[in-house]
């Protein structure tokens, strides 16, 4: 999805090239993209001989859904637990921490 959001509509071959060796073989990329198509995350234009895939869900919407699902499944619906784990797993940069503080202040303002 990241690659399609960044590049726009692309062939499996292009996505596979972007993934490099870490992405596995061409057929692995194809299979994952077909599954994502079936689940509604991708669309496919097959008017030409070469199939071109595109993200069917905007990036922000997809990320919100993934975080919501992760929060429910792994953290019992607790945003605090999700954030604590995220911040303890990987050190946030000073810029990221400032952005997080601003977001918390905005949320506190909305709750007042």
Protein backbone atom coordinates (compact mmCIF):
# COMPACT_ATOMS: atom_id res chain seq x y z
CA UNK A 1 0.00 0.00 0.00
CA UNK A 2 2.82 2.39 0.88
CA UNK A 3 4.31 1.96 -2.56
CA UNK A 4 0.99 2.51 -4.34
CA UNK A 5 0.22 5.58 -2.23
CA UNK A 6 3.67 6.97 -3.08
CA UNK A 7 3.87 6.02 -6.77
CA UNK A 8 0.22 5.92 -7.72
CA UNK A 9 -1.23 3.20 -9.95
CA UNK A 10 1.44 0.59 -10.74
CA UNK A 11 1.96 -2.87 -12.12
CA UNK A 12 2.90 -5.84 -9.94
CA UNK A 13 6.35 -5.75 -11.54
CA UNK A 14 6.87 -2.12 -10.48
CA UNK A 15 5.74 -2.85 -6.91
CA UNK A 16 7.98 -5.92 -6.82
CA UNK A 17 10.95 -3.83 -7.99
CA UNK A 18 10.27 -1.25 -5.29
CA UNK A 19 10.09 -3.92 -2.61
CA UNK A 20 13.44 -5.36 -3.63
CA UNK A 21 14.70 -8.59 -2.14
CA UNK A 22 12.86 -7.97 1.14
CA UNK A 23 9.55 -8.34 -0.67
CA UNK A 24 10.11 -11.92 -1.77
CA UNK A 25 9.49 -13.10 -5.30
CA UNK A 26 7.25 -11.70 -8.00
CA UNK A 27 4.57 -14.32 -7.36
CA UNK A 28 4.52 -13.41 -3.64
CA UNK A 29 3.91 -9.76 -4.52
CA UNK A 30 1.21 -10.77 -6.99
CA UNK A 31 -0.55 -13.00 -4.44
CA UNK A 32 -0.55 -10.30 -1.74
CA UNK A 33 -1.89 -7.74 -4.22
CA UNK A 34 -4.63 -10.15 -5.32
CA UNK A 35 -5.65 -10.69 -1.69
CA UNK A 36 -5.69 -6.93 -1.11
CA UNK A 37 -7.84 -6.57 -4.24
CA UNK A 38 -10.32 -9.15 -2.93
CA UNK A 39 -10.51 -7.35 0.43
CA UNK A 40 -11.21 -4.02 -1.27
CA UNK A 41 -7.91 -2.29 -0.42
CA UNK A 42 -6.81 -2.18 -4.07
CA UNK A 43 -8.50 -1.68 -7.39
CA UNK A 44 -7.29 -3.11 -10.71
CA UNK A 45 -7.49 -1.75 -14.21
CA UNK A 46 -7.26 -4.69 -16.58
CA UNK A 47 -8.24 -2.96 -19.81
CA UNK A 48 -4.75 -3.49 -21.18
CA UNK A 49 -2.80 -6.72 -21.18
CA UNK A 50 -0.85 -5.44 -18.17
CA UNK A 51 -2.89 -5.13 -14.98
CA UNK A 52 -2.44 -1.87 -13.13
CA UNK A 53 -3.26 -1.79 -9.42
CA UNK A 54 -4.13 1.29 -7.37
CA UNK A 55 -4.89 1.95 -3.73
CA UNK A 56 -8.68 1.91 -3.34
CA UNK A 57 -8.57 3.36 0.17
CA UNK A 58 -6.97 6.70 1.06
CA UNK A 59 -3.84 6.38 3.20
CA UNK A 60 -5.24 8.19 6.26
CA UNK A 61 -8.43 6.10 6.23
CA UNK A 62 -6.51 2.83 5.92
CA UNK A 63 -4.12 3.75 8.74
CA UNK A 64 -6.98 4.75 11.04
CA UNK A 65 -8.68 1.41 10.40
CA UNK A 66 -5.49 -0.56 11.02
CA UNK A 67 -4.77 1.30 14.27
CA UNK A 68 -8.36 0.90 15.43
CA UNK A 69 -8.19 -2.84 14.71
CA UNK A 70 -4.79 -3.21 16.41
CA UNK A 71 -5.96 -1.23 19.44
CA UNK A 72 -9.02 -3.47 19.83
CA UNK A 73 -7.27 -6.79 19.21
CA UNK A 74 -3.99 -6.26 21.05
CA UNK A 75 -4.70 -3.58 23.64
CA UNK A 76 -8.29 -4.18 24.68
CA UNK A 77 -9.41 -0.88 23.16
CA UNK A 78 -6.97 1.16 25.28
CA UNK A 79 -5.34 4.01 23.35
CA UNK A 80 -3.07 4.61 26.35
CA UNK A 81 -1.67 1.06 26.18
CA UNK A 82 -1.11 1.36 22.43
CA UNK A 83 0.76 4.65 22.82
CA UNK A 84 2.83 3.43 25.78
CA UNK A 85 3.93 0.37 23.80
CA UNK A 86 4.64 2.40 20.67
CA UNK A 87 6.78 4.92 22.54
CA UNK A 88 8.64 2.26 24.53
CA UNK A 89 9.37 0.17 21.44
CA UNK A 90 11.07 2.85 19.36
CA UNK A 91 12.47 6.18 20.55
CA UNK A 92 10.52 9.16 19.20
CA UNK A 93 12.44 12.14 17.81
CA UNK A 94 12.10 15.52 19.55
CA UNK A 95 9.98 16.69 16.60
CA UNK A 96 7.65 13.71 16.95
CA UNK A 97 7.32 14.26 20.70
CA UNK A 98 6.44 17.93 20.11
CA UNK A 99 3.81 16.89 17.57
CA UNK A 100 2.39 14.34 20.04
CA UNK A 101 2.25 16.99 22.80
CA UNK A 102 0.38 19.37 20.48
CA UNK A 103 -2.11 16.64 19.59
CA UNK A 104 -2.71 15.89 23.29
CA UNK A 105 -3.27 19.60 23.99
CA UNK A 106 -5.78 19.76 21.12
CA UNK A 107 -7.58 16.70 22.46
CA UNK A 108 -7.67 18.20 25.97
CA UNK A 109 -9.12 21.41 24.52
CA UNK A 110 -11.90 19.46 22.79
CA UNK A 111 -12.74 17.58 25.99
CA UNK A 112 -13.04 20.75 28.08
